[in-house]
C-alpha atoms as a PDB file:
ATOM      1  CA  MET A   1      42.825-154.971  65.333  1.00  0.00           C
ATOM      2  CA  THR A   2      39.808-154.588  67.586  1.00  0.00           C
ATOM      3  CA  GLY A   3      37.914-152.936  64.754  1.00  0.00           C
ATOM      4  CA  ILE A   4      38.377-156.018  62.582  1.00  0.00           C
ATOM      5  CA  GLY A   5      37.065-158.164  65.422  1.00  0.00           C
ATOM      6  CA  ILE A   6      33.973-156.007  65.883  1.00  0.00           C
ATOM      7  CA  ALA A   7      33.339-156.183  62.139  1.00  0.00           C
ATOM      8  CA  LEU A   8      33.703-159.986  62.187  1.00  0.00           C
ATOM      9  CA  PHE A   9      31.288-160.235  65.097  1.00  0.00           C
ATOM     10  CA  ALA A  10      28.747-157.965  63.413  1.00  0.00           C
ATOM     11  CA  LEU A  11      28.991-159.854  60.113  1.00  0.00           C
ATOM     12  CA  THR A  12      28.590-163.191  61.896  1.00  0.00           C
ATOM     13  CA  VAL A  13      25.485-162.021  63.747  1.00  0.00           C
ATOM     14  CA  LEU A  14      24.105-160.551  60.530  1.00  0.00           C
ATOM     15  CA  LEU A  15      24.734-163.789  58.626  1.00  0.00           C
ATOM     16  CA  ILE A  16      22.876-165.851  61.224  1.00  0.00           C
ATOM     17  CA  LEU A  17      19.938-163.441  61.403  1.00  0.00           C
ATOM     18  CA  ILE A  18      19.598-163.133  57.623  1.00  0.00           C
ATOM     19  CA  ARG A  19      19.577-166.903  57.190  1.00  0.00           C
ATOM     20  CA  TYR A  20      17.155-167.296  60.072  1.00  0.00           C
ATOM     21  CA  PHE A  21      14.605-164.717  58.940  1.00  0.00           C
ATOM     22  CA  ARG A  22      14.759-165.968  55.355  1.00  0.00           C
ATOM     23  CA  ALA A  23      14.124-169.551  56.473  1.00  0.00           C
ATOM     24  CA  VAL A  24      10.699-171.143  56.740  1.00  0.00           C
ATOM     25  CA  ARG A  25       9.749-171.118  60.425  1.00  0.00           C
ATOM     26  CA  PRO A  26       6.604-173.245  60.762  1.00  0.00           C
ATOM     27  CA  TYR A  27       6.653-173.416  64.560  1.00  0.00           C
ATOM     28  CA  PRO A  28       6.228-170.723  67.229  1.00  0.00           C
ATOM     29  CA  PHE A  29       9.262-169.050  68.759  1.00  0.00           C
ATOM     30  CA  PRO A  30       9.369-170.188  72.425  1.00  0.00           C
ATOM     31  CA  ARG A  31       9.388-167.634  75.205  1.00  0.00           C
ATOM     32  CA  HIS A  32      12.784-168.657  76.503  1.00  0.00           C
ATOM     33  CA  GLY A  33      14.264-167.337  73.256  1.00  0.00           C
ATOM     34  CA  SER A  34      12.918-163.876  73.990  1.00  0.00           C
ATOM     35  CA  VAL A  35      14.260-164.181  77.528  1.00  0.00           C
ATOM     36  CA  GLY A  36      17.656-165.080  76.096  1.00  0.00           C
ATOM     37  CA  ALA A  37      17.664-162.077  73.772  1.00  0.00           C
ATOM     38  CA  ALA A  38      16.687-159.840  76.696  1.00  0.00           C
ATOM     39  CA  ILE A  39      19.528-161.269  78.802  1.00  0.00           C
ATOM     40  CA  LEU A  40      22.001-160.502  76.021  1.00  0.00           C
ATOM     41  CA  VAL A  41      20.823-156.921  75.559  1.00  0.00           C
ATOM     42  CA  ALA A  42      20.516-156.203  79.283  1.00  0.00           C
ATOM     43  CA  GLY A  43      23.913-157.756  79.928  1.00  0.00           C
ATOM     44  CA  GLU A  44      25.575-155.506  77.344  1.00  0.00           C
ATOM     45  CA  VAL A  45      23.893-152.392  78.742  1.00  0.00           C
ATOM     46  CA  LEU A  46      24.750-153.204  82.354  1.00  0.00           C
ATOM     47  CA  LEU A  47      28.307-154.148  81.422  1.00  0.00           C
ATOM     48  CA  PHE A  48      29.054-150.793  79.826  1.00  0.00           C
ATOM     49  CA  ALA A  49      27.240-149.051  82.672  1.00  0.00           C
ATOM     50  CA  GLY A  50      29.790-150.612  85.022  1.00  0.00           C
ATOM     51  CA  VAL A  51      27.233-152.575  87.035  1.00  0.00           C
ATOM     52  CA  GLU A  52      28.619-155.460  89.069  1.00  0.00           C
ATOM     53  CA  PRO A  53      28.581-158.415  89.198  1.00  0.00           C
ATOM     54  CA  VAL A  54      27.573-158.263  85.523  1.00  0.00           C
ATOM     55  CA  GLY A  55      31.095-157.333  84.453  1.00  0.00           C
ATOM     56  CA  THR A  56      32.606-160.216  86.396  1.00  0.00           C
ATOM     57  CA  TYR A  57      30.167-162.803  85.057  1.00  0.00           C
ATOM     58  CA  PHE A  58      29.547-161.209  81.684  1.00  0.00           C
ATOM     59  CA  THR A  59      30.929-164.005  79.508  1.00  0.00           C
ATOM     60  CA  ALA A  60      28.714-166.583  81.207  1.00  0.00           C
ATOM     61  CA  ILE A  61      25.726-164.224  81.132  1.00  0.00           C
ATOM     62  CA  ALA A  62      26.139-163.566  77.415  1.00  0.00           C
ATOM     63  CA  TRP A  63      26.443-167.259  76.601  1.00  0.00           C
ATOM     64  CA  THR A  64      23.399-168.100  78.691  1.00  0.00           C
ATOM     65  CA  GLY A  65      21.344-165.576  76.753  1.00  0.00           C
ATOM     66  CA  TYR A  66      22.678-166.752  73.410  1.00  0.00           C
ATOM     67  CA  ILE A  67      22.056-170.443  74.161  1.00  0.00           C
ATOM     68  CA  LEU A  68      18.448-169.704  75.118  1.00  0.00           C
ATOM     69  CA  TRP A  69      17.920-167.733  71.905  1.00  0.00           C
ATOM     70  CA  ALA A  70      19.611-170.337  69.686  1.00  0.00           C
ATOM     71  CA  ASP A  71      17.576-173.155  71.201  1.00  0.00           C
ATOM     72  CA  ALA A  72      14.341-171.267  70.583  1.00  0.00           C
ATOM     73  CA  ALA A  73      15.414-170.523  67.014  1.00  0.00           C
ATOM     74  CA  VAL A  74      15.982-174.236  66.397  1.00  0.00           C
ATOM     75  CA  PHE A  75      12.538-175.034  67.799  1.00  0.00           C
ATOM     76  CA  SER A  76      10.883-172.513  65.481  1.00  0.00           C
ATOM     77  CA  LEU A  77      12.577-174.232  62.536  1.00  0.00           C
ATOM     78  CA  ARG A  78      12.114-177.881  63.499  1.00  0.00           C
ATOM     79  CA  GLY A  79       9.406-178.112  66.126  1.00  0.00           C
ATOM     80  CA  GLN A  80      11.864-179.586  68.611  1.00  0.00           C
ATOM     81  CA  SER A  81      15.078-178.445  70.251  1.00  0.00           C
ATOM     82  CA  LEU A  82      17.511-179.590  72.889  1.00  0.00           C
ATOM     83  CA  LEU A  83      16.386-177.453  75.832  1.00  0.00           C
ATOM     84  CA  GLN A  84      12.696-177.259  74.922  1.00  0.00           C
ATOM     85  CA  SER A  85      12.206-180.925  73.981  1.00  0.00           C
ATOM     86  CA  HIS A  86      14.991-182.755  75.849  1.00  0.00           C
ATOM     87  CA  PRO A  87      15.728-180.745  79.022  1.00  0.00           C
ATOM     88  CA  ALA A  88      17.309-183.677  80.882  1.00  0.00           C
ATOM     89  CA  GLU A  89      19.769-184.190  78.043  1.00  0.00           C
ATOM     90  CA  PHE A  90      20.569-180.478  78.011  1.00  0.00           C
ATOM     91  CA  ALA A  91      21.202-180.529  81.769  1.00  0.00           C
ATOM     92  CA  TRP A  92      23.598-183.469  81.503  1.00  0.00           C
ATOM     93  CA  ILE A  93      25.490-181.828  78.655  1.00  0.00           C
ATOM     94  CA  ALA A  94      25.872-178.627  80.666  1.00  0.00           C
ATOM     95  CA  PHE A  95      26.981-180.597  83.725  1.00  0.00           C
ATOM     96  CA  CYS A  96      29.521-182.689  81.787  1.00  0.00           C
ATOM     97  CA  SER A  97      30.819-179.592  80.015  1.00  0.00           C
ATOM     98  CA  ILE A  98      32.622-178.627  83.223  1.00  0.00           C
ATOM     99  CA  PRO A  99      34.871-181.699  83.671  1.00  0.00           C
ATOM    100  CA  LEU A 100      35.353-182.012  79.916  1.00  0.00           C
ATOM    101  CA  TRP A 101      36.731-178.480  79.721  1.00  0.00           C
ATOM    102  CA  LEU A 102      38.918-179.126  82.767  1.00  0.00           C
ATOM    103  CA  ILE A 103      40.839-181.606  80.602  1.00  0.00           C
ATOM    104  CA  PHE A 104      42.010-178.657  78.501  1.00  0.00           C
ATOM    105  CA  GLU A 105      42.691-176.610  81.622  1.00  0.00           C
ATOM    106  CA  ALA A 106      44.933-179.450  82.791  1.00  0.00           C
ATOM    107  CA  TYR A 107      46.861-179.312  79.519  1.00  0.00           C
ATOM    108  CA  ASN A 108      47.184-175.568  79.936  1.00  0.00           C
ATOM    109  CA  LEU A 109      48.976-176.062  83.256  1.00  0.00           C
ATOM    110  CA  ARG A 110      51.804-177.432  81.131  1.00  0.00           C
ATOM    111  CA  LEU A 111      51.415-175.388  77.963  1.00  0.00           C
ATOM    112  CA  ARG A 112      50.620-172.050  79.655  1.00  0.00           C
ATOM    113  CA  ASN A 113      48.749-170.627  76.675  1.00  0.00           C
ATOM    114  CA  TRP A 114      46.285-168.542  78.695  1.00  0.00           C
ATOM    115  CA  ILE A 115      45.725-167.108  82.143  1.00  0.00           C
ATOM    116  CA  TYR A 116      42.684-165.581  83.824  1.00  0.00           C
ATOM    117  CA  ALA A 117      42.545-161.939  84.900  1.00  0.00           C
ATOM    118  CA  GLY A 118      40.075-159.810  86.841  1.00  0.00           C
ATOM    119  CA  LEU A 119      38.751-162.757  88.840  1.00  0.00           C
ATOM    120  CA  PRO A 120      36.796-162.224  92.072  1.00  0.00           C
ATOM    121  CA  GLU A 121      38.779-162.644  95.284  1.00  0.00           C
ATOM    122  CA  ASN A 122      35.993-164.466  97.096  1.00  0.00           C
ATOM    123  CA  TRP A 123      36.487-168.191  96.513  1.00  0.00           C
ATOM    124  CA  LEU A 124      32.761-168.947  96.247  1.00  0.00           C
ATOM    125  CA  ALA A 125      32.208-166.216  93.662  1.00  0.00           C
ATOM    126  CA  LEU A 126      35.304-167.435  91.819  1.00  0.00           C
ATOM    127  CA  TYR A 127      34.223-171.059  91.508  1.00  0.00           C
ATOM    128  CA  VAL A 128      30.622-170.180  90.732  1.00  0.00           C
ATOM    129  CA  GLY A 129      31.972-168.133  87.840  1.00  0.00           C
ATOM    130  CA  TYR A 130      34.225-170.952  86.663  1.00  0.00           C
ATOM    131  CA  ALA A 131      31.439-173.532  86.815  1.00  0.00           C
ATOM    132  CA  TRP A 132      28.893-171.288  85.094  1.00  0.00           C
ATOM    133  CA  ALA A 133      31.242-170.324  82.281  1.00  0.00           C
ATOM    134  CA  PHE A 134      32.528-173.865  81.701  1.00  0.00           C
ATOM    135  CA  ALA A 135      28.975-175.269  81.751  1.00  0.00           C
ATOM    136  CA  THR A 136      28.065-173.177  78.702  1.00  0.00           C
ATOM    137  CA  ILE A 137      30.827-174.490  76.402  1.00  0.00           C
ATOM    138  CA  TRP A 138      29.380-177.770  75.125  1.00  0.00           C
ATOM    139  CA  PRO A 139      25.770-176.486  74.980  1.00  0.00           C
ATOM    140  CA  ALA A 140      26.955-173.455  72.995  1.00  0.00           C
ATOM    141  CA  ILE A 141      28.801-175.558  70.420  1.00  0.00           C
ATOM    142  CA  LEU A 142      25.998-178.087  69.981  1.00  0.00           C
ATOM    143  CA  GLU A 143      23.180-175.531  69.900  1.00  0.00           C
ATOM    144  CA  THR A 144      25.065-173.484  67.306  1.00  0.00           C
ATOM    145  CA  ALA A 145      25.846-176.528  65.174  1.00  0.00           C
ATOM    146  CA  THR A 146      22.214-177.628  65.342  1.00  0.00           C
ATOM    147  CA  LEU A 147      20.998-174.153  64.413  1.00  0.00           C
ATOM    148  CA  TRP A 148      23.374-173.927  61.466  1.00  0.00           C
ATOM    149  CA  ARG A 149      22.373-177.365  60.232  1.00  0.00           C
ATOM    150  CA  ALA A 150      18.694-176.511  60.612  1.00  0.00           C
ATOM    151  CA  LEU A 151      19.289-173.406  58.492  1.00  0.00           C
ATOM    152  CA  SER A 152      21.238-175.390  55.902  1.00  0.00           C
ATOM    153  CA  LEU A 153      19.099-178.500  55.420  1.00  0.00           C
ATOM    154  CA  PRO A 154      15.371-179.073  54.953  1.00  0.00           C
ATOM    155  CA  PRO A 155      13.673-180.489  58.070  1.00  0.00           C
ATOM    156  CA  ALA A 156      13.364-184.010  56.659  1.00  0.00           C
ATOM    157  CA  SER A 157      17.088-184.132  55.903  1.00  0.00           C
ATOM    158  CA  SER A 158      18.433-182.585  59.066  1.00  0.00           C
ATOM    159  CA  SER A 159      17.924-185.648  61.248  1.00  0.00           C
ATOM    160  CA  GLY A 160      17.547-188.367  58.644  1.00  0.00           C
ATOM    161  CA  ASN A 161      16.160-191.848  59.119  1.00  0.00           C
ATOM    162  CA  LYS A 162      17.860-193.041  62.265  1.00  0.00           C
ATOM    163  CA  VAL A 163      17.039-196.719  61.781  1.00  0.00           C
ATOM    164  CA  VAL A 164      18.501-196.739  58.270  1.00  0.00           C
ATOM    165  CA  ARG A 165      21.572-194.924  59.538  1.00  0.00           C
ATOM    166  CA  MET A 166      22.121-197.503  62.279  1.00  0.00           C
ATOM    167  CA  VAL A 167      21.882-200.407  59.818  1.00  0.00           C
ATOM    168  CA  ARG A 168      24.259-198.762  57.380  1.00  0.00           C
ATOM    169  CA  ALA A 169      26.641-197.885  60.196  1.00  0.00           C
ATOM    170  CA  ALA A 170      26.841-201.533  61.241  1.00  0.00           C
ATOM    171  CA  GLU A 171      27.607-202.523  57.653  1.00  0.00           C
ATOM    172  CA  ASN A 172      30.263-199.819  57.346  1.00  0.00           C
ATOM    173  CA  ARG A 173      31.946-200.846  60.594  1.00  0.00           C
ATOM    174  CA  SER A 174      32.211-204.431  59.412  1.00  0.00           C
ATOM    175  CA  HIS A 175      33.960-203.312  56.209  1.00  0.00           C
ATOM    176  CA  SER A 176      36.193-200.623  57.711  1.00  0.00           C
ATOM    177  CA  LYS A 177      39.929-201.170  57.580  1.00  0.00           C
ATOM    178  CA  SER A 178      41.465-201.870  60.967  1.00  0.00           C
ATOM    179  CA  TRP A 179      44.853-200.519  59.897  1.00  0.00           C
ATOM    180  CA  ALA A 180      43.342-197.112  59.174  1.00  0.00           C
ATOM    181  CA  LEU A 181      41.744-196.970  62.612  1.00  0.00           C
ATOM    182  CA  ALA A 182      44.996-198.098  64.240  1.00  0.00           C
ATOM    183  CA  ALA A 183      46.981-195.460  62.339  1.00  0.00           C
ATOM    184  CA  THR A 184      44.523-192.808  63.469  1.00  0.00           C
ATOM    185  CA  ALA A 185      44.923-193.922  67.080  1.00  0.00           C
ATOM    186  CA  LEU A 186      48.713-193.676  66.738  1.00  0.00           C
ATOM    187  CA  VAL A 187      48.429-190.127  65.408  1.00  0.00           C
ATOM    188  CA  ALA A 188      46.150-189.307  68.350  1.00  0.00           C
ATOM    189  CA  ALA A 189      48.678-190.629  70.838  1.00  0.00           C
ATOM    190  CA  LEU A 190      51.418-188.464  69.342  1.00  0.00           C
ATOM    191  CA  LEU A 191      49.183-185.389  69.317  1.00  0.00           C
ATOM    192  CA  LEU A 192      48.053-185.790  72.924  1.00  0.00           C
ATOM    193  CA  ILE A 193      51.224-187.096  74.565  1.00  0.00           C
ATOM    194  CA  THR A 194      53.845-184.895  72.904  1.00  0.00           C
ATOM    195  CA  PRO A 195      52.561-181.558  74.306  1.00  0.00           C
ATOM    196  CA  ALA A 196      52.464-183.042  77.808  1.00  0.00           C
ATOM    197  CA  LEU A 197      55.983-184.513  77.698  1.00  0.00           C
ATOM    198  CA  ALA A 198      57.895-181.950  75.651  1.00  0.00           C
ATOM    199  CA  PRO A 199      59.871-179.205  77.415  1.00  0.00           C
ATOM    200  CA  GLN A 200      57.643-176.295  78.339  1.00  0.00           C
ATOM    201  CA  TRP A 201      59.268-173.908  75.878  1.00  0.00           C
ATOM    202  CA  ILE A 202      58.380-176.352  73.093  1.00  0.00           C
ATOM    203  CA  SER A 203      54.986-177.470  74.399  1.00  0.00           C
ATOM    204  CA  SER A 204      53.723-173.872  74.482  1.00  0.00           C
ATOM    205  CA  TYR A 205      53.741-174.023  70.674  1.00  0.00           C
ATOM    206  CA  LEU A 206      51.826-177.317  70.524  1.00  0.00           C
ATOM    207  CA  PHE A 207      48.295-176.555  71.703  1.00  0.00           C
ATOM    208  CA  GLY A 208      47.076-177.074  68.154  1.00  0.00           C
ATOM    209  CA  ALA A 209      47.899-180.747  68.653  1.00  0.00           C
ATOM    210  CA  VAL A 210      45.555-180.863  71.642  1.00  0.00           C
ATOM    211  CA  TRP A 211      42.745-179.287  69.596  1.00  0.00           C
ATOM    212  CA  LEU A 212      43.051-182.190  67.141  1.00  0.00           C
ATOM    213  CA  GLY A 213      44.168-185.086  69.315  1.00  0.00           C
ATOM    214  CA  PHE A 214      40.866-186.086  70.875  1.00  0.00           C
ATOM    215  CA  VAL A 215      39.214-186.193  67.452  1.00  0.00           C
ATOM    216  CA  PHE A 216      41.761-188.736  66.206  1.00  0.00           C
ATOM    217  CA  LEU A 217      41.616-190.656  69.488  1.00  0.00           C
ATOM    218  CA  LEU A 218      37.862-190.900  69.963  1.00  0.00           C
ATOM    219  CA  GLU A 219      36.364-190.917  66.473  1.00  0.00           C
ATOM    220  CA  PRO A 220      37.704-194.419  65.656  1.00  0.00           C
ATOM    221  CA  VAL A 221      36.491-195.680  69.044  1.00  0.00           C
ATOM    222  CA  ASN A 222      33.070-194.122  68.557  1.00  0.00           C
ATOM    223  CA  PHE A 223      32.812-195.602  65.081  1.00  0.00           C
ATOM    224  CA  ARG A 224      33.860-199.114  66.070  1.00  0.00           C
ATOM    225  CA  THR A 225      31.621-199.229  69.144  1.00  0.00           C
ATOM    226  CA  GLY A 226      28.466-197.948  67.467  1.00  0.00           C
ATOM    227  CA  ARG A 227      28.443-194.524  69.094  1.00  0.00           C
ATOM    228  CA  GLU A 228      27.576-191.402  67.117  1.00  0.00           C
ATOM    229  CA  SER A 229      30.484-190.839  64.746  1.00  0.00           C
ATOM    230  CA  LEU A 230      31.454-188.487  61.957  1.00  0.00           C
ATOM    231  CA  TRP A 231      33.414-191.355  60.440  1.00  0.00           C
ATOM    232  CA  GLU A 232      30.085-193.084  59.958  1.00  0.00           C
ATOM    233  CA  ASP A 233      28.870-190.010  58.069  1.00  0.00           C
ATOM    234  CA  PHE A 234      31.941-190.052  55.841  1.00  0.00           C
ATOM    235  CA  GLN A 235      31.314-193.686  54.960  1.00  0.00           C
ATOM    236  CA  ARG A 236      27.942-192.571  53.586  1.00  0.00           C
ATOM    237  CA  GLY A 237      29.384-189.529  51.830  1.00  0.00           C
ATOM    238  CA  ASP A 238      27.587-187.176  54.218  1.00  0.00           C
ATOM    239  CA  PHE A 239      29.635-184.201  55.425  1.00  0.00           C
ATOM    240  CA  SER A 240      26.754-182.024  56.630  1.00  0.00           C
ATOM    241  CA  ARG A 241      27.267-182.779  60.312  1.00  0.00           C
ATOM    242  CA  LEU A 242      31.004-182.079  60.075  1.00  0.00           C
ATOM    243  CA  ASN A 243      30.384-178.843  58.187  1.00  0.00           C
ATOM    244  CA  SER A 244      27.870-177.716  60.803  1.00  0.00           C
ATOM    245  CA  LEU A 245      30.318-178.424  63.620  1.00  0.00           C
ATOM    246  CA  LEU A 246      33.160-176.594  61.885  1.00  0.00           C
ATOM    247  CA  MET A 247      30.925-173.591  61.281  1.00  0.00           C
ATOM    248  CA  ALA A 248      29.732-173.710  64.882  1.00  0.00           C
ATOM    249  CA  GLY A 249      33.333-173.645  66.067  1.00  0.00           C
ATOM    250  CA  TRP A 250      34.056-170.587  63.960  1.00  0.00           C
ATOM    251  CA  ILE A 251      30.907-168.763  65.106  1.00  0.00           C
ATOM    252  CA  CYS A 252      31.421-169.606  68.765  1.00  0.00           C
ATOM    253  CA  GLY A 253      35.091-168.663  68.547  1.00  0.00           C
ATOM    254  CA  ILE A 254      34.235-165.172  67.359  1.00  0.00           C
ATOM    255  CA  PHE A 255      31.519-164.835  69.999  1.00  0.00           C
ATOM    256  CA  TRP A 256      33.817-166.105  72.777  1.00  0.00           C
ATOM    257  CA  GLU A 257      36.534-163.630  71.939  1.00  0.00           C
ATOM    258  CA  PHE A 258      34.140-160.716  71.468  1.00  0.00           C
ATOM    259  CA  TRP A 259      32.341-161.175  74.778  1.00  0.00           C
ATOM    260  CA  ASN A 260      35.524-162.041  76.664  1.00  0.00           C
ATOM    261  CA  TYR A 261      37.255-158.881  75.436  1.00  0.00           C
ATOM    262  CA  TRP A 262      34.818-156.570  77.225  1.00  0.00           C
ATOM    263  CA  ALA A 263      34.333-158.640  80.396  1.00  0.00           C
ATOM    264  CA  GLN A 264      35.829-157.719  83.752  1.00  0.00           C
ATOM    265  CA  ALA A 265      36.836-161.334  84.466  1.00  0.00           C
ATOM    266  CA  ARG A 266      38.413-162.729  81.313  1.00  0.00           C
ATOM    267  CA  TRP A 267      41.141-164.916  79.887  1.00  0.00           C
ATOM    268  CA  VAL A 268      44.370-163.467  78.513  1.00  0.00           C
ATOM    269  CA  TYR A 269      46.441-165.385  75.975  1.00  0.00           C
ATOM    270  CA  THR A 270      50.155-165.976  76.345  1.00  0.00           C
ATOM    271  CA  VAL A 271      50.534-167.902  73.070  1.00  0.00           C
ATOM    272  CA  PRO A 272      54.064-167.277  71.720  1.00  0.00           C
ATOM    273  CA  ILE A 273      53.075-167.473  68.022  1.00  0.00           C
ATOM    274  CA  LEU A 274      52.583-163.995  66.496  1.00  0.00           C
ATOM    275  CA  PRO A 275      51.471-162.552  69.858  1.00  0.00           C
ATOM    276  CA  GLU A 276      51.406-159.000  68.472  1.00  0.00           C
ATOM    277  CA  TRP A 277      48.817-159.895  65.795  1.00  0.00           C
ATOM    278  CA  LYS A 278      45.586-160.160  67.742  1.00  0.00           C
ATOM    279  CA  ILE A 279      41.880-159.902  67.062  1.00  0.00           C
ATOM    280  CA  PHE A 280      40.504-159.007  70.483  1.00  0.00           C
ATOM    281  CA  ALA A 281      42.711-160.980  72.931  1.00  0.00           C
ATOM    282  CA  MET A 282      43.334-163.941  70.612  1.00  0.00           C
ATOM    283  CA  PRO A 283      46.391-164.129  68.313  1.00  0.00           C
ATOM    284  CA  VAL A 284      45.121-164.417  64.748  1.00  0.00           C
ATOM    285  CA  LEU A 285      46.335-167.972  64.195  1.00  0.00           C
ATOM    286  CA  GLY A 286      44.479-169.075  67.322  1.00  0.00           C
ATOM    287  CA  TYR A 287      41.154-168.697  65.542  1.00  0.00           C
ATOM    288  CA  LEU A 288      42.066-171.730  63.454  1.00  0.00           C
ATOM    289  CA  GLY A 289      41.665-173.855  66.580  1.00  0.00           C
ATOM    290  CA  PHE A 290      37.976-173.165  67.124  1.00  0.00           C
ATOM    291  CA  PRO A 291      36.527-175.258  64.250  1.00  0.00           C
ATOM    292  CA  PRO A 292      38.417-178.462  65.197  1.00  0.00           C
ATOM    293  CA  PHE A 293      37.588-177.815  68.849  1.00  0.00           C
ATOM    294  CA  ALA A 294      33.890-178.061  67.961  1.00  0.00           C
ATOM    295  CA  VAL A 295      34.548-181.452  66.365  1.00  0.00           C
ATOM    296  CA  GLU A 296      36.367-182.482  69.545  1.00  0.00           C
ATOM    297  CA  CYS A 297      33.349-181.461  71.617  1.00  0.00           C
ATOM    298  CA  PHE A 298      31.185-183.744  69.502  1.00  0.00           C
ATOM    299  CA  ALA A 299      33.589-186.694  69.693  1.00  0.00           C
ATOM    300  CA  MET A 300      34.137-186.375  73.442  1.00  0.00           C
ATOM    301  CA  LEU A 301      30.430-186.212  74.239  1.00  0.00           C
ATOM    302  CA  ALA A 302      29.638-189.098  71.876  1.00  0.00           C
ATOM    303  CA  PHE A 303      32.276-191.180  73.646  1.00  0.00           C
ATOM    304  CA  LEU A 304      30.899-190.268  77.076  1.00  0.00           C
ATOM    305  CA  ALA A 305      27.200-190.726  76.232  1.00  0.00           C
ATOM    306  CA  PRO A 306      26.866-194.457  77.107  1.00  0.00           C
ATOM    307  CA  ALA A 307      28.590-193.878  80.455  1.00  0.00           C
ATOM    308  CA  ILE A 308      26.170-191.060  81.259  1.00  0.00           C
ATOM    309  CA  ASN A 309      23.241-193.345  80.506  1.00  0.00           C
ATOM    310  CA  GLY A 310      24.826-195.932  82.791  1.00  0.00           C
ATOM    311  CA  VAL A 311      25.051-193.403  85.619  1.00  0.00           C
ATOM    312  CA  ARG A 312      21.453-192.330  85.038  1.00  0.00           C
ATOM    313  CA  LYS A 313      20.308-195.954  85.217  1.00  0.00           C
ATOM    314  CA  LYS A 314      22.033-196.410  88.566  1.00  0.00           C
ATOM    315  CA  LEU A 315      20.340-193.232  89.758  1.00  0.00           C
ATOM    316  CA  GLY A 316      16.952-194.708  88.886  1.00  0.00           C
ATOM    317  CA  ALA A 317      16.248-193.221  85.457  1.00  0.00           C
ATOM    318  CA  LYS A 318      13.670-195.328  83.631  1.00  0.00           C
ATOM    319  CA  ARG A 319      14.801-194.534  80.098  1.00  0.00           C
ATOM    320  CA  PRO A 320      18.208-193.742  78.609  1.00  0.00           C
ATOM    321  CA  LEU A 321      18.852-190.413  76.964  1.00  0.00           C
ATOM    322  CA  ARG A 322      18.467-190.548  73.180  1.00  0.00           C
ATOM    323  CA  TRP A 323      21.269-188.022  72.605  1.00  0.00           C
ATOM    324  CA  GLU A 324      19.387-185.940  70.099  1.00  0.00           C
ATOM    325  CA  ALA A 325      22.040-183.250  70.551  1.00  0.00           C
ATOM    326  CA  LEU A 326      24.546-185.433  68.713  1.00  0.00           C
ATOM    327  CA  GLN A 327      22.198-185.800  65.753  1.00  0.00           C
ATOM    328  CA  LEU A 328      22.358-182.045  65.179  1.00  0.00           C
END
């Protein structure tokens, strides 16, 4: 089914480009976007030419190029973007992406849903590759979600009035039902604990629970503590941020699997559900996990944001990060 995967990738790229070039772009396209596009093209050429270490690091190279291009595209639409306008925030997101992803790697030690193949034997090259690849995950999701939202909403609507949102959020939190939040936390506990405690032959079927569990665990906490929260959006009848995250998960999922498929160092799935029905290396049903994973990325970073600002303060930072990335 590789042909279907290539078609999905091509259609996804075409959809993004058509929406982008049809959109009003009142601001210049930054140079780092052109650099990103060049990295993508050069990486593809060198990969198929068999040039190393491009093949080994291809997934990370491709994502680096894409993130640069997506950030520049957002800037041309809005006049600000994460990397161009808030580089310190971007750097912290990339840094925190590594330990955040390691949470899922820890689950995989029990669930055994994927393994890595074609890795370099040199330990330094190996861990550089791990760190580079893992550092692109959260930036990729958030940049893609921001780009999609920028293409879907007029500039004035994409960020909204933050002061009004904060006031309304406080009112919504005071009227929210505690039993609903408690029930959500209970569901989260079941989703996150069951895969870790169940026998391995059962837990290997339960990774979908992990893709949902942190959303149910952290969204109520984020909402009640005044962090950025999708629950807050729902209280106002606004689903645009959720929709952008879900779409970002789908887009990034297709891109991840496409670029991974051709790379020398790559992941290989051992998911027991319909293993013979694959698009690239991923069993078909596995693609359903990417959209909720994007929502998890949002919830996990929103939960962590105050702690990061606390660390920055201890390190001597004069001002806290504003976490524009979470605004999308």
